[in-house]
All heavy atoms as atom14 arrays in JSON, in Angstrom:
{
  "sequence": "KLALREEFCNLEEILSYQNTVFFGGDCISMIDYLFWPWFERLDVYGIA",
  "atom14_mask": [
    [1, 1, 1, 1, 1, 1, 1, 1, 1, 0, 0, 0, 0, 0],
    [1, 1, 1, 1, 1, 1, 1, 1, 0, 0, 0, 0, 0, 0],
    [1, 1, 1, 1, 1, 0, 0, 0, 0, 0, 0, 0, 0, 0],
    [1, 1, 1, 1, 1, 1, 1, 1, 0, 0, 0, 0, 0, 0],
    [1, 1, 1, 1, 1, 1, 1, 1, 1, 1, 1, 0, 0, 0],
    [1, 1, 1, 1, 1, 1, 1, 1, 1, 0, 0, 0, 0, 0],
    [1, 1, 1, 1, 1, 1, 1, 1, 1, 0, 0, 0, 0, 0],
    [1, 1, 1, 1, 1, 1, 1, 1, 1, 1, 1, 0, 0, 0],
    [1, 1, 1, 1, 1, 1, 0, 0, 0, 0, 0, 0, 0, 0],
    [1, 1, 1, 1, 1, 1, 1, 1, 0, 0, 0, 0, 0, 0],
    [1, 1, 1, 1, 1, 1, 1, 1, 0, 0, 0, 0, 0, 0],
    [1, 1, 1, 1, 1, 1, 1, 1, 1, 0, 0, 0, 0, 0],
    [1, 1, 1, 1, 1, 1, 1, 1, 1, 0, 0, 0, 0, 0],
    [1, 1, 1, 1, 1, 1, 1, 1, 0, 0, 0, 0, 0, 0],
    [1, 1, 1, 1, 1, 1, 1, 1, 0, 0, 0, 0, 0, 0],
    [1, 1, 1, 1, 1, 1, 0, 0, 0, 0, 0, 0, 0, 0],
    [1, 1, 1, 1, 1, 1, 1, 1, 1, 1, 1, 1, 0, 0],
    [1, 1, 1, 1, 1, 1, 1, 1, 1, 0, 0, 0, 0, 0],
    [1, 1, 1, 1, 1, 1, 1, 1, 0, 0, 0, 0, 0, 0],
    [1, 1, 1, 1, 1, 1, 1, 0, 0, 0, 0, 0, 0, 0],
    [1, 1, 1, 1, 1, 1, 1, 0, 0, 0, 0, 0, 0, 0],
    [1, 1, 1, 1, 1, 1, 1, 1, 1, 1, 1, 0, 0, 0],
    [1, 1, 1, 1, 1, 1, 1, 1, 1, 1, 1, 0, 0, 0],
    [1, 1, 1, 1, 0, 0, 0, 0, 0, 0, 0, 0, 0, 0],
    [1, 1, 1, 1, 0, 0, 0, 0, 0, 0, 0, 0, 0, 0],
    [1, 1, 1, 1, 1, 1, 1, 1, 0, 0, 0, 0, 0, 0],
    [1, 1, 1, 1, 1, 1, 0, 0, 0, 0, 0, 0, 0, 0],
    [1, 1, 1, 1, 1, 1, 1, 1, 0, 0, 0, 0, 0, 0],
    [1, 1, 1, 1, 1, 1, 0, 0, 0, 0, 0, 0, 0, 0],
    [1, 1, 1, 1, 1, 1, 1, 1, 0, 0, 0, 0, 0, 0],
    [1, 1, 1, 1, 1, 1, 1, 1, 0, 0, 0, 0, 0, 0],
    [1, 1, 1, 1, 1, 1, 1, 1, 0, 0, 0, 0, 0, 0],
    [1, 1, 1, 1, 1, 1, 1, 1, 1, 1, 1, 1, 0, 0],
    [1, 1, 1, 1, 1, 1, 1, 1, 0, 0, 0, 0, 0, 0],
    [1, 1, 1, 1, 1, 1, 1, 1, 1, 1, 1, 0, 0, 0],
    [1, 1, 1, 1, 1, 1, 1, 1, 1, 1, 1, 1, 1, 1],
    [1, 1, 1, 1, 1, 1, 1, 0, 0, 0, 0, 0, 0, 0],
    [1, 1, 1, 1, 1, 1, 1, 1, 1, 1, 1, 1, 1, 1],
    [1, 1, 1, 1, 1, 1, 1, 1, 1, 1, 1, 0, 0, 0],
    [1, 1, 1, 1, 1, 1, 1, 1, 1, 0, 0, 0, 0, 0],
    [1, 1, 1, 1, 1, 1, 1, 1, 1, 1, 1, 0, 0, 0],
    [1, 1, 1, 1, 1, 1, 1, 1, 0, 0, 0, 0, 0, 0],
    [1, 1, 1, 1, 1, 1, 1, 1, 0, 0, 0, 0, 0, 0],
    [1, 1, 1, 1, 1, 1, 1, 0, 0, 0, 0, 0, 0, 0],
    [1, 1, 1, 1, 1, 1, 1, 1, 1, 1, 1, 1, 0, 0],
    [1, 1, 1, 1, 0, 0, 0, 0, 0, 0, 0, 0, 0, 0],
    [1, 1, 1, 1, 1, 1, 1, 1, 0, 0, 0, 0, 0, 0],
    [1, 1, 1, 1, 1, 0, 0, 0, 0, 0, 0, 0, 0, 0]
  ],
  "atom14_positions": [
    [[73.85, -65.26, 22.99], [74.56, -64.36, 23.9], [75.67, -65.1, 24.63], [76.74, -64.53, 24.88], [73.58, -63.71, 24.88], [72.63, -62.71, 24.22], [71.66, -62.1, 25.2], [72.31, -61.11, 26.12], [71.32, -60.41, 26.99], [0.0, 0.0, 0.0], [0.0, 0.0, 0.0], [0.0, 0.0, 0.0], [0.0, 0.0, 0.0], [0.0, 0.0, 0.0]],
    [[75.44, -66.34, 24.97], [76.48, -67.14, 25.61], [77.67, -67.31, 24.68], [78.84, -67.18, 25.1], [75.93, -68.52, 26.0], [76.92, -69.48, 26.66], [77.47, -68.89, 27.95], [76.25, -70.82, 26.92], [0.0, 0.0, 0.0], [0.0, 0.0, 0.0], [0.0, 0.0, 0.0], [0.0, 0.0, 0.0], [0.0, 0.0, 0.0], [0.0, 0.0, 0.0]],
    [[77.39, -67.57, 23.41], [78.47, -67.72, 22.42], [79.23, -66.4, 22.26], [80.46, -66.4, 22.14], [77.9, -68.18, 21.08], [0.0, 0.0, 0.0], [0.0, 0.0, 0.0], [0.0, 0.0, 0.0], [0.0, 0.0, 0.0], [0.0, 0.0, 0.0], [0.0, 0.0, 0.0], [0.0, 0.0, 0.0], [0.0, 0.0, 0.0], [0.0, 0.0, 0.0]],
    [[78.5, -65.3, 22.28], [79.14, -63.99, 22.15], [80.01, -63.69, 23.37], [81.14, -63.19, 23.24], [78.07, -62.91, 21.96], [78.58, -61.49, 21.68], [79.45, -61.45, 20.42], [77.4, -60.53, 21.54], [0.0, 0.0, 0.0], [0.0, 0.0, 0.0], [0.0, 0.0, 0.0], [0.0, 0.0, 0.0], [0.0, 0.0, 0.0], [0.0, 0.0, 0.0]],
    [[79.51, -64.03, 24.55], [80.31, -63.83, 25.77], [81.61, -64.63, 25.71], [82.66, -64.17, 26.16], [79.5, -64.23, 27.0], [78.39, -63.26, 27.36], [77.79, -63.61, 28.72], [76.69, -62.72, 29.05], [75.41, -63.01, 28.9], [75.07, -64.21, 28.4], [74.47, -62.15, 29.22], [0.0, 0.0, 0.0], [0.0, 0.0, 0.0], [0.0, 0.0, 0.0]],
    [[81.55, -65.81, 25.14], [82.75, -66.64, 25.01], [83.78, -65.97, 24.1], [84.98, -65.99, 24.38], [82.38, -68.03, 24.5], [81.62, -68.87, 25.5], [81.15, -70.2, 24.93], [81.36, -70.42, 23.71], [80.59, -71.0, 25.69], [0.0, 0.0, 0.0], [0.0, 0.0, 0.0], [0.0, 0.0, 0.0], [0.0, 0.0, 0.0], [0.0, 0.0, 0.0]],
    [[83.29, -65.37, 23.01], [84.2, -64.65, 22.12], [84.82, -63.45, 22.83], [86.01, -63.15, 22.67], [83.46, -64.19, 20.86], [82.92, -65.32, 20.0], [84.0, -66.29, 19.56], [85.08, -65.83, 19.12], [83.79, -67.52, 19.69], [0.0, 0.0, 0.0], [0.0, 0.0, 0.0], [0.0, 0.0, 0.0], [0.0, 0.0, 0.0], [0.0, 0.0, 0.0]],
    [[84.02, -62.76, 23.63], [84.53, -61.61, 24.37], [85.53, -62.05, 25.45], [86.47, -61.32, 25.76], [83.39, -60.81, 24.99], [82.56, -60.06, 23.98], [81.28, -59.62, 24.31], [83.04, -59.79, 22.72], [80.52, -58.91, 23.38], [82.29, -59.09, 21.78], [81.02, -58.65, 22.12], [0.0, 0.0, 0.0], [0.0, 0.0, 0.0], [0.0, 0.0, 0.0]],
    [[85.33, -63.24, 26.01], [86.3, -63.78, 26.97], [87.67, -63.98, 26.3], [88.71, -63.73, 26.92], [85.81, -65.09, 27.54], [84.61, -64.92, 28.87], [0.0, 0.0, 0.0], [0.0, 0.0, 0.0], [0.0, 0.0, 0.0], [0.0, 0.0, 0.0], [0.0, 0.0, 0.0], [0.0, 0.0, 0.0], [0.0, 0.0, 0.0], [0.0, 0.0, 0.0]],
    [[87.66, -64.42, 25.06], [88.92, -64.59, 24.33], [89.63, -63.26, 24.16], [90.85, -63.17, 24.33], [88.66, -65.22, 22.96], [88.14, -66.64, 23.05], [88.4, -67.34, 24.03], [87.42, -67.07, 22.03], [0.0, 0.0, 0.0], [0.0, 0.0, 0.0], [0.0, 0.0, 0.0], [0.0, 0.0, 0.0], [0.0, 0.0, 0.0], [0.0, 0.0, 0.0]],
    [[88.87, -62.21, 23.83], [89.46, -60.89, 23.68], [89.94, -60.35, 25.03], [90.97, -59.68, 25.11], [88.45, -59.93, 23.05], [87.99, -60.29, 21.63], [86.95, -59.29, 21.14], [89.16, -60.34, 20.67], [0.0, 0.0, 0.0], [0.0, 0.0, 0.0], [0.0, 0.0, 0.0], [0.0, 0.0, 0.0], [0.0, 0.0, 0.0], [0.0, 0.0, 0.0]],
    [[89.19, -60.65, 26.08], [89.58, -60.24, 27.43], [90.93, -60.86, 27.8], [91.8, -60.17, 28.38], [88.5, -60.69, 28.43], [88.84, -60.47, 29.89], [88.63, -59.04, 30.35], [88.11, -58.23, 29.56], [88.99, -58.73, 31.49], [0.0, 0.0, 0.0], [0.0, 0.0, 0.0], [0.0, 0.0, 0.0], [0.0, 0.0, 0.0], [0.0, 0.0, 0.0]],
    [[91.12, -62.12, 27.47], [92.37, -62.79, 27.79], [93.55, -62.13, 27.07], [94.65, -62.02, 27.63], [92.28, -64.27, 27.4], [91.38, -65.08, 28.31], [91.32, -66.55, 27.9], [92.13, -66.94, 27.02], [90.49, -67.28, 28.44], [0.0, 0.0, 0.0], [0.0, 0.0, 0.0], [0.0, 0.0, 0.0], [0.0, 0.0, 0.0], [0.0, 0.0, 0.0]],
    [[93.32, -61.7, 25.84], [94.39, -61.05, 25.08], [94.8, -59.75, 25.74], [95.99, -59.49, 25.96], [93.94, -60.8, 23.62], [93.82, -62.13, 22.88], [94.92, -59.87, 22.9], [93.03, -62.05, 21.6], [0.0, 0.0, 0.0], [0.0, 0.0, 0.0], [0.0, 0.0, 0.0], [0.0, 0.0, 0.0], [0.0, 0.0, 0.0], [0.0, 0.0, 0.0]],
    [[93.82, -58.91, 26.09], [94.14, -57.65, 26.75], [94.82, -57.88, 28.1], [95.77, -57.17, 28.46], [92.87, -56.82, 26.94], [92.28, -56.17, 25.68], [90.95, -55.5, 26.01], [93.25, -55.14, 25.09], [0.0, 0.0, 0.0], [0.0, 0.0, 0.0], [0.0, 0.0, 0.0], [0.0, 0.0, 0.0], [0.0, 0.0, 0.0], [0.0, 0.0, 0.0]],
    [[94.34, -58.85, 28.84], [94.92, -59.13, 30.15], [96.36, -59.63, 30.02], [97.25, -59.24, 30.78], [94.07, -60.17, 30.89], [92.77, -59.68, 31.12], [0.0, 0.0, 0.0], [0.0, 0.0, 0.0], [0.0, 0.0, 0.0], [0.0, 0.0, 0.0], [0.0, 0.0, 0.0], [0.0, 0.0, 0.0], [0.0, 0.0, 0.0], [0.0, 0.0, 0.0]],
    [[96.6, -60.49, 29.04], [97.95, -61.01, 28.82], [98.91, -59.91, 28.39], [100.06, -59.84, 28.87], [97.9, -62.12, 27.77], [99.26, -62.66, 27.4], [99.92, -63.56, 28.23], [99.89, -62.26, 26.22], [101.19, -64.05, 27.9], [101.15, -62.73, 25.88], [101.79, -63.63, 26.73], [103.04, -64.11, 26.4], [0.0, 0.0, 0.0], [0.0, 0.0, 0.0]],
    [[98.43, -59.04, 27.5], [99.27, -57.94, 27.02], [99.5, -56.88, 28.09], [100.49, -56.17, 28.05], [98.62, -57.26, 25.8], [98.52, -58.12, 24.57], [97.84, -57.39, 23.42], [97.78, -57.9, 22.31], [97.31, -56.2, 23.66], [0.0, 0.0, 0.0], [0.0, 0.0, 0.0], [0.0, 0.0, 0.0], [0.0, 0.0, 0.0], [0.0, 0.0, 0.0]],
    [[98.53, -56.75, 29.0], [98.55, -55.7, 30.02], [98.61, -54.32, 29.37], [99.38, -53.44, 29.79], [99.73, -55.91, 30.98], [99.59, -55.06, 32.24], [98.48, -54.74, 32.67], [100.7, -54.66, 32.82], [0.0, 0.0, 0.0], [0.0, 0.0, 0.0], [0.0, 0.0, 0.0], [0.0, 0.0, 0.0], [0.0, 0.0, 0.0], [0.0, 0.0, 0.0]],
    [[97.81, -54.14, 28.31], [97.7, -52.86, 27.62], [96.23, -52.46, 27.53], [95.35, -53.32, 27.57], [98.28, -52.92, 26.19], [97.59, -53.93, 25.44], [99.77, -53.24, 26.22], [0.0, 0.0, 0.0], [0.0, 0.0, 0.0], [0.0, 0.0, 0.0], [0.0, 0.0, 0.0], [0.0, 0.0, 0.0], [0.0, 0.0, 0.0], [0.0, 0.0, 0.0]],
    [[95.97, -51.18, 27.38], [94.6, -50.7, 27.24], [94.05, -51.07, 25.87], [92.89, -51.48, 25.74], [94.52, -49.18, 27.46], [93.1, -48.66, 27.15], [94.91, -48.83, 28.88], [0.0, 0.0, 0.0], [0.0, 0.0, 0.0], [0.0, 0.0, 0.0], [0.0, 0.0, 0.0], [0.0, 0.0, 0.0], [0.0, 0.0, 0.0], [0.0, 0.0, 0.0]],
    [[94.87, -50.93, 24.83], [94.43, -51.17, 23.46], [94.98, -52.49, 22.93], [95.98, -53.01, 23.44], [94.86, -50.0, 22.56], [94.3, -48.68, 23.0], [95.1, -47.76, 23.67], [92.97, -48.36, 22.78], [94.58, -46.55, 24.1], [92.44, -47.15, 23.21], [93.25, -46.24, 23.87], [0.0, 0.0, 0.0], [0.0, 0.0, 0.0], [0.0, 0.0, 0.0]],
    [[94.35, -52.99, 21.88], [94.75, -54.29, 21.36], [96.11, -54.25, 20.67], [96.81, -55.25, 20.61], [93.69, -54.84, 20.41], [92.5, -55.4, 21.13], [91.35, -54.64, 21.32], [92.52, -56.69, 21.63], [90.26, -55.14, 22.0], [91.43, -57.22, 22.3], [90.3, -56.44, 22.49], [0.0, 0.0, 0.0], [0.0, 0.0, 0.0], [0.0, 0.0, 0.0]],
    [[96.49, -53.08, 20.17], [97.78, -52.95, 19.52], [98.88, -52.45, 20.42], [100.02, -52.31, 19.99], [0.0, 0.0, 0.0], [0.0, 0.0, 0.0], [0.0, 0.0, 0.0], [0.0, 0.0, 0.0], [0.0, 0.0, 0.0], [0.0, 0.0, 0.0], [0.0, 0.0, 0.0], [0.0, 0.0, 0.0], [0.0, 0.0, 0.0], [0.0, 0.0, 0.0]],
    [[98.56, -52.16, 21.68], [99.58, -51.64, 22.6], [99.05, -50.51, 23.44], [97.89, -50.54, 23.88], [0.0, 0.0, 0.0], [0.0, 0.0, 0.0], [0.0, 0.0, 0.0], [0.0, 0.0, 0.0], [0.0, 0.0, 0.0], [0.0, 0.0, 0.0], [0.0, 0.0, 0.0], [0.0, 0.0, 0.0], [0.0, 0.0, 0.0], [0.0, 0.0, 0.0]],
    [[99.87, -49.49, 23.63], [99.5, -48.39, 24.53], [98.72, -47.27, 23.84], [98.27, -46.33, 24.5], [100.78, -47.8, 25.16], [101.45, -48.8, 26.09], [100.73, -49.57, 26.75], [102.69, -48.82, 26.13], [0.0, 0.0, 0.0], [0.0, 0.0, 0.0], [0.0, 0.0, 0.0], [0.0, 0.0, 0.0], [0.0, 0.0, 0.0], [0.0, 0.0, 0.0]],
    [[98.58, -47.34, 22.52], [97.79, -46.32, 21.81], [96.93, -47.0, 20.76], [97.17, -48.15, 20.38], [98.69, -45.25, 21.19], [99.87, -45.9, 20.0], [0.0, 0.0, 0.0], [0.0, 0.0, 0.0], [0.0, 0.0, 0.0], [0.0, 0.0, 0.0], [0.0, 0.0, 0.0], [0.0, 0.0, 0.0], [0.0, 0.0, 0.0], [0.0, 0.0, 0.0]],
    [[95.93, -46.3, 20.3], [94.99, -46.85, 19.31], [95.72, -47.12, 18.0], [96.53, -46.31, 17.54], [93.83, -45.87, 19.08], [92.93, -45.81, 20.32], [93.0, -46.28, 17.87], [91.8, -44.82, 20.2], [0.0, 0.0, 0.0], [0.0, 0.0, 0.0], [0.0, 0.0, 0.0], [0.0, 0.0, 0.0], [0.0, 0.0, 0.0], [0.0, 0.0, 0.0]],
    [[95.43, -48.25, 17.4], [95.98, -48.59, 16.09], [94.89, -49.24, 15.25], [93.71, -49.26, 15.63], [97.2, -49.51, 16.25], [96.85, -50.7, 16.93], [0.0, 0.0, 0.0], [0.0, 0.0, 0.0], [0.0, 0.0, 0.0], [0.0, 0.0, 0.0], [0.0, 0.0, 0.0], [0.0, 0.0, 0.0], [0.0, 0.0, 0.0], [0.0, 0.0, 0.0]],
    [[95.29, -49.77, 14.11], [94.3, -50.27, 13.14], [93.37, -51.32, 13.75], [92.15, -51.28, 13.54], [95.03, -50.87, 11.94], [94.09, -51.39, 10.85], [93.13, -50.09, 10.04], [94.35, -49.49, 8.86], [0.0, 0.0, 0.0], [0.0, 0.0, 0.0], [0.0, 0.0, 0.0], [0.0, 0.0, 0.0], [0.0, 0.0, 0.0], [0.0, 0.0, 0.0]],
    [[93.9, -52.25, 14.52], [93.07, -53.34, 15.02], [91.93, -52.82, 15.91], [90.82, -53.35, 15.88], [93.93, -54.39, 15.77], [93.12, -55.66, 16.05], [94.54, -53.82, 17.03], [92.7, -56.41, 14.81], [0.0, 0.0, 0.0], [0.0, 0.0, 0.0], [0.0, 0.0, 0.0], [0.0, 0.0, 0.0], [0.0, 0.0, 0.0], [0.0, 0.0, 0.0]],
    [[92.19, -51.77, 16.66], [91.14, -51.2, 17.52], [90.01, -50.63, 16.67], [88.83, -50.81, 17.0], [91.73, -50.11, 18.41], [92.82, -50.65, 19.32], [92.5, -51.44, 20.22], [94.0, -50.3, 19.1], [0.0, 0.0, 0.0], [0.0, 0.0, 0.0], [0.0, 0.0, 0.0], [0.0, 0.0, 0.0], [0.0, 0.0, 0.0], [0.0, 0.0, 0.0]],
    [[90.35, -49.92, 15.6], [89.32, -49.37, 14.72], [88.56, -50.48, 13.98], [87.36, -50.34, 13.72], [89.92, -48.39, 13.72], [90.34, -47.07, 14.33], [91.59, -46.51, 14.06], [89.48, -46.35, 15.17], [91.97, -45.3, 14.61], [89.85, -45.14, 15.72], [91.1, -44.63, 15.44], [91.47, -43.42, 15.98], [0.0, 0.0, 0.0], [0.0, 0.0, 0.0]],
    [[89.25, -51.56, 13.64], [88.56, -52.66, 12.95], [87.57, -53.38, 13.86], [86.55, -53.88, 13.4], [89.6, -53.66, 12.4], [90.52, -53.13, 11.29], [91.5, -54.21, 10.88], [89.72, -52.64, 10.08], [0.0, 0.0, 0.0], [0.0, 0.0, 0.0], [0.0, 0.0, 0.0], [0.0, 0.0, 0.0], [0.0, 0.0, 0.0], [0.0, 0.0, 0.0]],
    [[87.86, -53.43, 15.16], [86.94, -54.05, 16.13], [85.79, -53.13, 16.52], [84.67, -53.6, 16.78], [87.7, -54.4, 17.42], [88.6, -55.59, 17.36], [89.37, -55.94, 18.46], [88.69, -56.38, 16.22], [90.21, -57.05, 18.43], [89.54, -57.48, 16.17], [90.29, -57.82, 17.28], [0.0, 0.0, 0.0], [0.0, 0.0, 0.0], [0.0, 0.0, 0.0]],
    [[86.05, -51.83, 16.59], [85.18, -50.91, 17.31], [83.71, -50.87, 16.88], [82.82, -50.83, 17.74], [85.74, -49.48, 17.28], [84.81, -48.51, 17.93], [84.08, -47.52, 17.34], [84.44, -48.49, 19.32], [83.29, -46.88, 18.26], [83.5, -47.46, 19.48], [84.82, -49.25, 20.43], [82.93, -47.16, 20.72], [84.25, -48.95, 21.66], [83.33, -47.91, 21.8]],
    [[83.37, -50.86, 15.59], [81.96, -50.66, 15.22], [80.99, -51.61, 15.92], [79.87, -51.23, 16.26], [81.97, -50.86, 13.7], [83.33, -50.39, 13.29], [84.24, -50.88, 14.39], [0.0, 0.0, 0.0], [0.0, 0.0, 0.0], [0.0, 0.0, 0.0], [0.0, 0.0, 0.0], [0.0, 0.0, 0.0], [0.0, 0.0, 0.0], [0.0, 0.0, 0.0]],
    [[81.4, -52.85, 16.15], [80.48, -53.81, 16.79], [80.32, -53.54, 18.28], [79.25, -53.78, 18.84], [80.96, -55.23, 16.51], [80.68, -55.58, 15.08], [79.55, -56.16, 14.57], [81.5, -55.28, 13.95], [79.62, -56.25, 13.2], [80.81, -55.73, 12.8], [82.76, -54.7, 13.79], [81.33, -55.61, 11.51], [83.28, -54.58, 12.51], [82.57, -55.02, 11.39]],
    [[81.34, -53.0, 18.91], [81.23, -52.65, 20.33], [80.4, -51.38, 20.51], [79.66, -51.26, 21.49], [82.62, -52.51, 20.95], [83.31, -53.82, 21.12], [84.16, -54.3, 20.13], [83.07, -54.61, 22.24], [84.78, -55.54, 20.27], [83.69, -55.84, 22.39], [84.54, -56.3, 21.4], [0.0, 0.0, 0.0], [0.0, 0.0, 0.0], [0.0, 0.0, 0.0]],
    [[80.5, -50.45, 19.59], [79.67, -49.25, 19.67], [78.2, -49.61, 19.58], [77.34, -48.92, 20.15], [80.04, -48.27, 18.55], [79.28, -46.96, 18.62], [79.76, -45.93, 17.64], [80.98, -45.66, 17.61], [78.92, -45.39, 16.88], [0.0, 0.0, 0.0], [0.0, 0.0, 0.0], [0.0, 0.0, 0.0], [0.0, 0.0, 0.0], [0.0, 0.0, 0.0]],
    [[77.88, -50.7, 18.91], [76.49, -51.1, 18.69], [75.91, -51.99, 19.78], [74.71, -52.29, 19.76], [76.38, -51.81, 17.32], [76.46, -50.83, 16.16], [76.92, -51.49, 14.86], [76.85, -50.54, 13.76], [77.73, -49.54, 13.57], [78.73, -49.37, 14.41], [77.59, -48.72, 12.54], [0.0, 0.0, 0.0], [0.0, 0.0, 0.0], [0.0, 0.0, 0.0]],
    [[76.71, -52.43, 20.72], [76.2, -53.36, 21.74], [75.01, -52.79, 22.49], [74.01, -53.48, 22.72], [77.31, -53.72, 22.73], [78.46, -54.58, 22.21], [79.45, -54.85, 23.34], [77.96, -55.88, 21.6], [0.0, 0.0, 0.0], [0.0, 0.0, 0.0], [0.0, 0.0, 0.0], [0.0, 0.0, 0.0], [0.0, 0.0, 0.0], [0.0, 0.0, 0.0]],
    [[75.1, -51.52, 22.89], [74.02, -50.91, 23.66], [72.75, -50.78, 22.84], [71.66, -51.18, 23.27], [74.48, -49.55, 24.19], [73.45, -48.91, 25.12], [72.7, -49.67, 25.77], [73.39, -47.69, 25.2], [0.0, 0.0, 0.0], [0.0, 0.0, 0.0], [0.0, 0.0, 0.0], [0.0, 0.0, 0.0], [0.0, 0.0, 0.0], [0.0, 0.0, 0.0]],
    [[72.88, -50.24, 21.64], [71.69, -50.02, 20.81], [71.09, -51.35, 20.35], [69.88, -51.44, 20.1], [72.03, -49.09, 19.62], [72.78, -49.83, 18.54], [70.76, -48.45, 19.04], [0.0, 0.0, 0.0], [0.0, 0.0, 0.0], [0.0, 0.0, 0.0], [0.0, 0.0, 0.0], [0.0, 0.0, 0.0], [0.0, 0.0, 0.0], [0.0, 0.0, 0.0]],
    [[71.9, -52.4, 20.26], [71.39, -53.72, 19.9], [70.73, -54.42, 21.09], [70.07, -55.43, 20.92], [72.51, -54.61, 19.38], [72.96, -54.35, 17.97], [72.53, -53.23, 17.25], [73.85, -55.21, 17.32], [72.95, -52.99, 15.96], [74.28, -54.98, 16.03], [73.83, -53.87, 15.36], [74.27, -53.64, 14.07], [0.0, 0.0, 0.0], [0.0, 0.0, 0.0]],
    [[70.95, -53.89, 22.31], [70.36, -54.49, 23.5], [71.15, -55.63, 24.09], [70.61, -56.47, 24.82], [0.0, 0.0, 0.0], [0.0, 0.0, 0.0], [0.0, 0.0, 0.0], [0.0, 0.0, 0.0], [0.0, 0.0, 0.0], [0.0, 0.0, 0.0], [0.0, 0.0, 0.0], [0.0, 0.0, 0.0], [0.0, 0.0, 0.0], [0.0, 0.0, 0.0]],
    [[72.47, -55.66, 23.82], [73.29, -56.78, 24.31], [74.54, -56.28, 25.03], [75.56, -56.97, 25.07], [73.68, -57.73, 23.15], [74.28, -56.95, 21.97], [72.47, -58.53, 22.69], [74.78, -57.85, 20.84], [0.0, 0.0, 0.0], [0.0, 0.0, 0.0], [0.0, 0.0, 0.0], [0.0, 0.0, 0.0], [0.0, 0.0, 0.0], [0.0, 0.0, 0.0]],
    [[74.45, -55.08, 25.62], [75.61, -54.52, 26.33], [76.02, -55.36, 27.53], [77.17, -55.31, 27.96], [75.31, -53.09, 26.77], [0.0, 0.0, 0.0], [0.0, 0.0, 0.0], [0.0, 0.0, 0.0], [0.0, 0.0, 0.0], [0.0, 0.0, 0.0], [0.0, 0.0, 0.0], [0.0, 0.0, 0.0], [0.0, 0.0, 0.0], [0.0, 0.0, 0.0]]
  ]
}
């Protein structure tokens, strides 16, 4: 979980630097859909 949090920190830095809601900009694009399935599963996996 610590290793996973570190990976999420990297993604957090990208969003913060871009100052956008989505990874591709102001609207959903391919990269958001490619990331999404694992985030949808965080709760059901017990690691939200």
